[in-house]
């Protein structure tokens, strides 16, 4: 075995051999670290992909405006879906379909102004959502002529629940349903996040101006429900929140149907809800009622869209009274956190038209087919 003097230079061959071992060891460490990192990234990717698929399957799909039936579904549909517009969305060709969409899409052709999301167009895509109870599809109306001809309070299709009635009764008996303001506040957050439109209407519009709250000094609700006006896209969006309303709050949702189209949405606590008839929903908490509203042409002028119609009550309001909507923040006695709300553009004029002297408490309710 050869020996070397420590003071002599190291032979080149031995030096290269030693350096090669060091480089190999460092390379092995780098490869091991890279493999471990990719493992964590892959796990995160799979979890993210699964969550994204769940959100997409649950929230939205785009339907073609050429669809002739509200029952037409995406070929890969496996869970309730809805199409709803976002005022920030890009306008797409009316003939575009996306049955295998990999990201949420919105479709609202020919929107004249983002300040009024209730405007419609003759070739607008159909808006629809499915019931969790029986997968039946319900359409939010977009046909201008149909909306103009609709008569107040008509519901030849009765009331349809979006959750199985057996589940509603079972959950109601368990008790501990969330409070109305808590549910309302959560819904508003979801709507505002999507740039939707869900404005205070009728009695609630009065209470925030007269009493400055939804509850009195004893913490009791002043009204027996919360009235809201919703744009067509927001009505469809709110319907997709049904499962979360079930699991998070113990609430459910039902729709009044006419000619297969949704004309009124009621959101109600399962606790104390034992009557399933098509009338005002009763439960342990005040219900939340959403009245779909649409901008339609003024009578005698088919090219100007300047009247907003609440189809359930068939009341009509000049567009400047309603839009652009205003966002306000309300500190209520019934909530620890502030409520973020939307109200019409000119609420005082609206209330005067609907109620006259709204500043004095009265049992008077807003009428039907009022023109403001």
Protein backbone atom coordinates (compact mmCIF):
# COMPACT_ATOMS: atom_id res chain seq x y z
CA UNK A 1 0.00 0.00 0.00
CA UNK A 2 1.60 3.28 -1.01
CA UNK A 3 2.38 5.89 1.62
CA UNK A 4 2.51 9.66 1.22
CA UNK A 5 4.32 12.33 3.06
CA UNK A 6 1.93 14.90 4.54
CA UNK A 7 4.13 17.66 3.24
CA UNK A 8 4.04 16.33 -0.32
CA UNK A 9 1.29 17.50 -2.74
CA UNK A 10 -1.76 15.18 -2.93
CA UNK A 11 -1.80 13.10 -6.13
CA UNK A 12 -4.28 14.41 -8.71
CA UNK A 13 -6.13 11.09 -9.05
CA UNK A 14 -6.81 10.81 -5.34
CA UNK A 15 -7.90 14.44 -5.15
CA UNK A 16 -10.43 13.97 -7.99
CA UNK A 17 -11.74 10.77 -6.39
CA UNK A 18 -12.34 12.55 -3.06
CA UNK A 19 -14.06 15.52 -4.71
CA UNK A 20 -16.27 13.17 -6.73
CA UNK A 21 -17.51 11.52 -3.53
CA UNK A 22 -18.29 14.93 -2.00
CA UNK A 23 -20.21 16.08 -5.09
CA UNK A 24 -22.14 12.78 -5.18
CA UNK A 25 -23.10 13.16 -1.50
CA UNK A 26 -24.24 16.76 -2.01
CA UNK A 27 -26.22 15.75 -5.09
CA UNK A 28 -27.96 13.00 -3.15
CA UNK A 29 -28.96 15.45 -0.41
CA UNK A 30 -30.31 17.94 -2.97
CA UNK A 31 -32.33 15.21 -4.73
CA UNK A 32 -33.75 13.96 -1.41
CA UNK A 33 -34.80 17.50 -0.43
CA UNK A 34 -36.39 18.09 -3.87
CA UNK A 35 -38.33 14.81 -3.67
CA UNK A 36 -39.64 15.64 -0.19
CA UNK A 37 -40.68 19.14 -1.30
CA UNK A 38 -42.51 17.82 -4.36
CA UNK A 39 -44.33 15.36 -2.12
CA UNK A 40 -45.74 18.20 0.00
CA UNK A 41 -46.58 20.24 -3.10
CA UNK A 42 -48.39 17.28 -4.67
CA UNK A 43 -50.44 16.79 -1.51
CA UNK A 44 -51.38 20.46 -1.46
CA UNK A 45 -52.19 20.33 -5.16
CA UNK A 46 -54.49 17.35 -4.79
CA UNK A 47 -56.26 18.91 -1.81
CA UNK A 48 -56.64 22.22 -3.65
CA UNK A 49 -57.85 20.49 -6.81
CA UNK A 50 -60.48 18.55 -4.82
CA UNK A 51 -61.68 21.69 -3.04
CA UNK A 52 -61.84 23.63 -6.32
CA UNK A 53 -63.84 20.82 -7.97
CA UNK A 54 -66.29 20.83 -5.06
CA UNK A 55 -66.74 24.60 -5.25
CA UNK A 56 -67.21 24.52 -9.02
CA UNK A 57 -69.63 21.59 -8.92
CA UNK A 58 -71.60 23.32 -6.19
CA UNK A 59 -71.64 26.91 -7.33
CA UNK A 60 -71.82 27.44 -11.07
CA UNK A 61 -71.93 26.20 -14.61
CA UNK A 62 -72.67 28.10 -17.80
CA UNK A 63 -75.72 27.19 -19.89
CA UNK A 64 -76.23 28.12 -23.51
CA UNK A 65 -78.82 30.83 -24.27
CA UNK A 66 -80.06 28.54 -27.06
CA UNK A 67 -81.29 26.02 -24.48
CA UNK A 68 -85.02 25.61 -24.87
CA UNK A 69 -85.77 23.91 -21.58
CA UNK A 70 -84.83 24.91 -18.02
CA UNK A 71 -84.26 21.20 -17.38
CA UNK A 72 -81.27 21.05 -19.73
CA UNK A 73 -78.15 20.36 -17.68
CA UNK A 74 -74.42 20.15 -18.12
CA UNK A 75 -73.55 16.60 -19.28
CA UNK A 76 -71.27 16.11 -16.29
CA UNK A 77 -73.59 17.59 -13.70
CA UNK A 78 -73.42 15.79 -10.37
CA UNK A 79 -74.67 18.43 -7.95
CA UNK A 80 -76.93 21.52 -7.88
CA UNK A 81 -75.70 24.25 -10.18
CA UNK A 82 -76.68 27.74 -11.15
CA UNK A 83 -75.56 30.33 -13.65
CA UNK A 84 -75.38 33.81 -12.28
CA UNK A 85 -73.85 37.00 -13.65
CA UNK A 86 -71.10 39.00 -12.06
CA UNK A 87 -70.96 42.64 -13.07
CA UNK A 88 -67.19 42.31 -13.28
CA UNK A 89 -67.35 39.35 -15.67
CA UNK A 90 -66.30 39.57 -19.28
CA UNK A 91 -69.10 39.34 -21.83
CA UNK A 92 -68.98 36.06 -23.75
CA UNK A 93 -70.48 35.04 -27.07
CA UNK A 94 -74.12 33.98 -26.58
CA UNK A 95 -73.38 30.71 -28.39
CA UNK A 96 -70.57 29.70 -26.04
CA UNK A 97 -71.14 26.74 -23.74
CA UNK A 98 -68.81 25.35 -21.13
CA UNK A 99 -70.03 22.00 -19.79
CA UNK A 100 -66.56 21.09 -18.54
CA UNK A 101 -65.57 24.47 -17.15
CA UNK A 102 -62.57 24.37 -14.86
CA UNK A 103 -63.18 27.75 -13.25
CA UNK A 104 -66.32 29.71 -12.28
CA UNK A 105 -67.76 31.61 -15.24
CA UNK A 106 -70.50 34.17 -15.55
CA UNK A 107 -72.65 34.97 -18.54
CA UNK A 108 -74.71 38.12 -18.91
CA UNK A 109 -74.71 39.38 -22.52
CA UNK A 110 -75.49 42.95 -23.47
CA UNK A 111 -75.33 44.45 -20.00
CA UNK A 112 -75.78 48.15 -20.63
CA UNK A 113 -74.30 49.30 -17.34
CA UNK A 114 -72.78 47.52 -14.34
CA UNK A 115 -74.66 50.00 -12.14
CA UNK A 116 -77.91 48.15 -12.93
CA UNK A 117 -77.58 44.33 -12.89
CA UNK A 118 -81.33 43.83 -13.52
CA UNK A 119 -81.18 44.74 -17.21
CA UNK A 120 -82.13 41.97 -19.62
CA UNK A 121 -81.56 41.32 -23.31
CA UNK A 122 -83.52 39.26 -25.88
CA UNK A 123 -80.72 36.69 -26.29
CA UNK A 124 -79.69 36.46 -22.66
CA UNK A 125 -78.58 33.10 -21.26
CA UNK A 126 -81.10 31.23 -19.14
CA UNK A 127 -80.53 31.32 -15.38
CA UNK A 128 -81.45 28.21 -13.45
CA UNK A 129 -80.70 26.18 -10.35
CA UNK A 130 -81.52 22.70 -9.11
CA UNK A 131 -83.37 21.57 -6.00
CA UNK A 132 -81.38 19.49 -3.53
CA UNK A 133 -84.61 17.63 -2.74
CA UNK A 134 -85.32 16.10 -6.15
CA UNK A 135 -82.82 17.65 -8.62
CA UNK A 136 -85.70 19.47 -10.33
CA UNK A 137 -84.45 22.50 -12.28
CA UNK A 138 -86.05 25.91 -11.78
CA UNK A 139 -85.51 28.92 -14.00
CA UNK A 140 -85.08 32.52 -12.94
CA UNK A 141 -87.06 34.40 -15.62
CA UNK A 142 -85.12 36.29 -18.28
CA UNK A 143 -87.82 36.59 -20.94
CA UNK A 144 -88.77 40.28 -21.01
CA UNK A 145 -92.22 39.69 -22.49
CA UNK A 146 -93.03 37.02 -19.90
CA UNK A 147 -91.91 39.32 -17.07
CA UNK A 148 -94.00 42.21 -18.40
CA UNK A 149 -97.11 40.02 -18.61
CA UNK A 150 -96.72 38.36 -15.21
CA UNK A 151 -99.62 39.05 -12.80
CA UNK A 152 -98.94 39.74 -9.11
CA UNK A 153 -98.93 36.79 -6.66
CA UNK A 154 -99.46 34.17 -9.40
CA UNK A 155 -97.87 30.80 -8.60
CA UNK A 156 -99.50 28.00 -10.60
CA UNK A 157 -96.57 25.72 -9.71
CA UNK A 158 -97.06 26.14 -5.97
CA UNK A 159 -94.17 26.26 -3.50
CA UNK A 160 -91.12 24.03 -3.96
CA UNK A 161 -88.56 23.29 -1.25
CA UNK A 162 -84.89 22.97 -2.14
CA UNK A 163 -84.34 20.44 0.67
CA UNK A 164 -86.15 17.20 1.48
CA UNK A 165 -89.07 17.87 3.83
CA UNK A 166 -88.19 14.92 6.06
CA UNK A 167 -84.77 16.46 6.68
CA UNK A 168 -86.39 19.84 7.38
CA UNK A 169 -88.70 18.33 10.01
CA UNK A 170 -85.91 16.29 11.61
CA UNK A 171 -83.53 19.24 11.75
CA UNK A 172 -86.26 21.52 13.09
CA UNK A 173 -86.90 19.19 16.04
CA UNK A 174 -83.22 19.38 17.00
CA UNK A 175 -83.59 23.12 17.66
CA UNK A 176 -80.70 25.56 17.97
CA UNK A 177 -81.27 27.27 14.61
CA UNK A 178 -79.28 30.45 13.98
CA UNK A 179 -80.86 33.87 14.35
CA UNK A 180 -82.31 35.73 11.37
CA UNK A 181 -79.82 38.60 11.46
CA UNK A 182 -76.89 36.18 11.63
CA UNK A 183 -78.16 34.36 8.53
CA UNK A 184 -79.01 37.62 6.74
CA UNK A 185 -75.55 39.02 7.46
CA UNK A 186 -73.88 35.88 6.10
CA UNK A 187 -75.98 35.93 2.92
CA UNK A 188 -75.13 39.60 2.31
CA UNK A 189 -71.43 38.83 2.62
CA UNK A 190 -71.72 36.13 -0.04
CA UNK A 191 -73.67 38.45 -2.35
CA UNK A 192 -71.34 41.43 -1.97
CA UNK A 193 -68.33 39.18 -2.56
CA UNK A 194 -69.86 38.22 -5.93
CA UNK A 195 -70.73 41.86 -6.77
CA UNK A 196 -74.40 40.91 -6.58
CA UNK A 197 -77.45 43.03 -5.89
CA UNK A 198 -79.72 42.31 -2.89
CA UNK A 199 -81.36 45.49 -1.60
CA UNK A 200 -83.54 46.16 1.42
CA UNK A 201 -87.19 46.49 0.42
CA UNK A 202 -90.57 47.53 1.83
CA UNK A 203 -90.79 47.28 5.64
CA UNK A 204 -87.05 46.89 6.22
CA UNK A 205 -86.40 50.02 4.19
CA UNK A 206 -88.70 51.90 6.56
CA UNK A 207 -87.20 50.47 9.76
CA UNK A 208 -83.59 51.38 9.01
CA UNK A 209 -84.71 54.97 8.30
CA UNK A 210 -87.31 55.36 11.05
CA UNK A 211 -86.09 53.13 13.92
CA UNK A 212 -82.49 52.92 12.63
CA UNK A 213 -82.57 49.17 13.31
CA UNK A 214 -84.36 45.87 12.63
CA UNK A 215 -85.00 45.23 16.33
CA UNK A 216 -86.44 47.34 19.15
CA UNK A 217 -84.79 48.28 22.44
CA UNK A 218 -85.79 44.91 23.93
CA UNK A 219 -84.00 43.12 21.11
CA UNK A 220 -87.26 41.97 19.50
CA UNK A 221 -87.77 42.09 15.74
CA UNK A 222 -89.92 45.00 14.63
CA UNK A 223 -91.15 43.14 11.54
CA UNK A 224 -92.11 39.50 10.98
CA UNK A 225 -89.75 39.06 8.03
CA UNK A 226 -86.87 40.67 6.12
CA UNK A 227 -87.87 41.91 2.66
CA UNK A 228 -85.26 42.12 -0.10
CA UNK A 229 -85.15 42.93 -3.81
CA UNK A 230 -82.75 40.76 -5.78
CA UNK A 231 -81.37 40.96 -9.32
CA UNK A 232 -81.93 37.82 -11.45
CA UNK A 233 -78.31 36.71 -11.15
CA UNK A 234 -78.32 37.18 -7.39
CA UNK A 235 -81.53 35.17 -6.99
CA UNK A 236 -79.82 32.24 -8.75
CA UNK A 237 -76.67 32.74 -6.69
CA UNK A 238 -78.57 32.77 -3.37
CA UNK A 239 -80.25 29.48 -4.34
CA UNK A 240 -76.84 27.79 -4.56
CA UNK A 241 -76.26 28.65 -0.87
CA UNK A 242 -78.98 26.21 0.23
CA UNK A 243 -76.66 23.43 1.44
CA UNK A 244 -74.57 25.83 3.47
CA UNK A 245 -77.72 27.33 5.00
CA UNK A 246 -78.66 23.77 6.03
CA UNK A 247 -75.35 22.81 7.57
CA UNK A 248 -74.22 26.13 9.05
CA UNK A 249 -77.48 27.57 10.36
CA UNK A 250 -80.28 24.98 10.25
CA UNK A 251 -82.20 27.04 7.67
CA UNK A 252 -83.80 26.02 4.39
CA UNK A 253 -85.15 27.64 1.25
CA UNK A 254 -88.31 27.40 -0.81
CA UNK A 255 -89.48 29.01 -4.06
CA UNK A 256 -92.86 30.04 -5.45
CA UNK A 257 -93.09 28.83 -9.05
CA UNK A 258 -95.16 30.10 -11.98
CA UNK A 259 -94.86 28.52 -15.43
CA UNK A 260 -91.72 26.77 -14.17
CA UNK A 261 -90.11 30.09 -13.22
CA UNK A 262 -89.14 31.44 -9.81
CA UNK A 263 -91.21 34.45 -8.75
CA UNK A 264 -90.45 34.55 -4.99
CA UNK A 265 -87.81 33.02 -2.71
CA UNK A 266 -88.35 32.45 1.03
CA UNK A 267 -85.47 31.56 3.33
CA UNK A 268 -86.71 30.13 6.63
CA UNK A 269 -85.42 28.48 9.82
CA UNK A 270 -86.31 24.80 10.10
CA UNK A 271 -86.97 25.25 13.83
CA UNK A 272 -90.69 25.79 14.30
CA UNK A 273 -91.40 25.41 10.59
CA UNK A 274 -94.25 22.92 10.41
CA UNK A 275 -96.53 24.42 7.74
CA UNK A 276 -95.50 23.75 4.15
CA UNK A 277 -98.37 25.55 2.45
CA UNK A 278 -97.78 28.35 -0.14
CA UNK A 279 -98.23 31.31 2.19
CA UNK A 280 -96.02 33.44 4.47
CA UNK A 281 -93.44 31.09 5.94
CA UNK A 282 -93.59 30.65 9.73
CA UNK A 283 -90.81 29.44 12.00
CA UNK A 284 -88.96 30.34 15.20
CA UNK A 285 -87.25 33.24 13.41
CA UNK A 286 -88.44 35.95 11.02
CA UNK A 287 -88.06 34.69 7.47
CA UNK A 288 -86.09 36.30 4.67
CA UNK A 289 -88.05 37.00 1.47
CA UNK A 290 -86.31 37.75 -1.82
CA UNK A 291 -88.38 39.45 -4.55
CA UNK A 292 -86.82 39.04 -8.02
CA UNK A 293 -86.66 42.36 -9.88
CA UNK A 294 -86.04 43.14 -13.53
CA UNK A 295 -85.59 46.22 -15.69
CA UNK A 296 -88.19 46.30 -18.47
CA UNK A 297 -89.15 48.80 -21.20
CA UNK A 298 -91.47 51.65 -20.34
CA UNK A 299 -94.93 51.15 -21.78
CA UNK A 300 -95.06 52.55 -25.30
CA UNK A 301 -91.28 52.64 -25.69
CA UNK A 302 -89.77 49.24 -26.43
CA UNK A 303 -86.19 50.48 -26.67
CA UNK A 304 -85.77 52.22 -23.31
CA UNK A 305 -85.18 49.99 -20.28
CA UNK A 306 -86.00 52.36 -17.49
CA UNK A 307 -88.60 50.67 -15.27
CA UNK A 308 -87.65 48.18 -12.56
CA UNK A 309 -90.37 45.62 -11.80
CA UNK A 310 -90.76 43.55 -8.64
CA UNK A 311 -92.61 40.71 -10.32
CA UNK A 312 -94.12 39.11 -7.19
CA UNK A 313 -96.04 42.23 -6.27
CA UNK A 314 -95.89 43.71 -9.78
CA UNK A 315 -94.81 47.08 -8.44
CA UNK A 316 -92.83 49.22 -10.87
CA UNK A 317 -90.23 51.86 -10.08
CA UNK A 318 -88.45 54.33 -12.31
CA UNK A 319 -84.88 53.17 -12.73
CA UNK A 320 -83.26 56.27 -11.12
CA UNK A 321 -85.15 55.49 -7.89
CA UNK A 322 -83.44 52.10 -7.70
CA UNK A 323 -80.02 52.38 -9.34
CA UNK A 324 -77.21 52.72 -8.82
CA UNK A 325 -77.72 50.97 -5.48
CA UNK A 326 -76.05 52.27 -2.33
CA UNK A 327 -74.06 50.30 0.22
CA UNK A 328 -74.43 51.21 3.89
CA UNK A 329 -73.22 49.85 7.23
CA UNK A 330 -75.70 49.40 10.09
CA UNK A 331 -74.88 48.75 13.76
CA UNK A 332 -77.81 46.74 15.04
CA UNK A 333 -78.73 45.88 18.63
CA UNK A 334 -79.28 42.34 17.42
CA UNK A 335 -75.72 41.79 16.15
CA UNK A 336 -72.25 42.23 17.59
CA UNK A 337 -70.69 42.96 14.22
CA UNK A 338 -71.98 45.65 11.83
CA UNK A 339 -74.31 44.70 8.97
CA UNK A 340 -73.22 45.57 5.43
CA UNK A 341 -76.37 46.34 3.45
CA UNK A 342 -77.59 47.57 0.07
CA UNK A 343 -80.44 50.03 -0.40
CA UNK A 344 -82.08 51.68 -3.45
CA UNK A 345 -80.65 54.89 -4.84
CA UNK A 346 -83.53 57.10 -3.63
CA UNK A 347 -85.17 55.27 -0.69
CA UNK A 348 -87.10 58.26 0.69
CA UNK A 349 -88.98 58.86 -2.56
CA UNK A 350 -89.69 55.13 -2.84
CA UNK A 351 -91.17 54.97 0.66
CA UNK A 352 -93.29 58.05 0.06
CA UNK A 353 -94.70 56.47 -3.09
CA UNK A 354 -95.38 53.09 -1.46
CA UNK A 355 -96.63 54.21 1.96
CA UNK A 356 -97.32 57.92 2.00
CA UNK A 357 -96.29 59.19 5.45
CA UNK A 358 -93.89 56.38 6.34
CA UNK A 359 -92.50 58.27 9.36
CA UNK A 360 -95.57 57.42 11.46
CA UNK A 361 -95.89 53.74 12.50
CA UNK A 362 -98.82 52.08 10.74
CA UNK A 363 -100.26 48.66 9.94
CA UNK A 364 -100.38 49.62 6.28
CA UNK A 365 -98.59 47.30 3.86
CA UNK A 366 -97.33 48.15 0.41
CA UNK A 367 -99.96 47.49 -2.21
CA UNK A 368 -99.80 45.65 -5.53
CA UNK A 369 -99.19 47.01 -9.03
CA UNK A 370 -98.02 50.39 -7.75
CA UNK A 371 -96.14 52.62 -10.20
CA UNK A 372 -93.54 54.97 -8.71
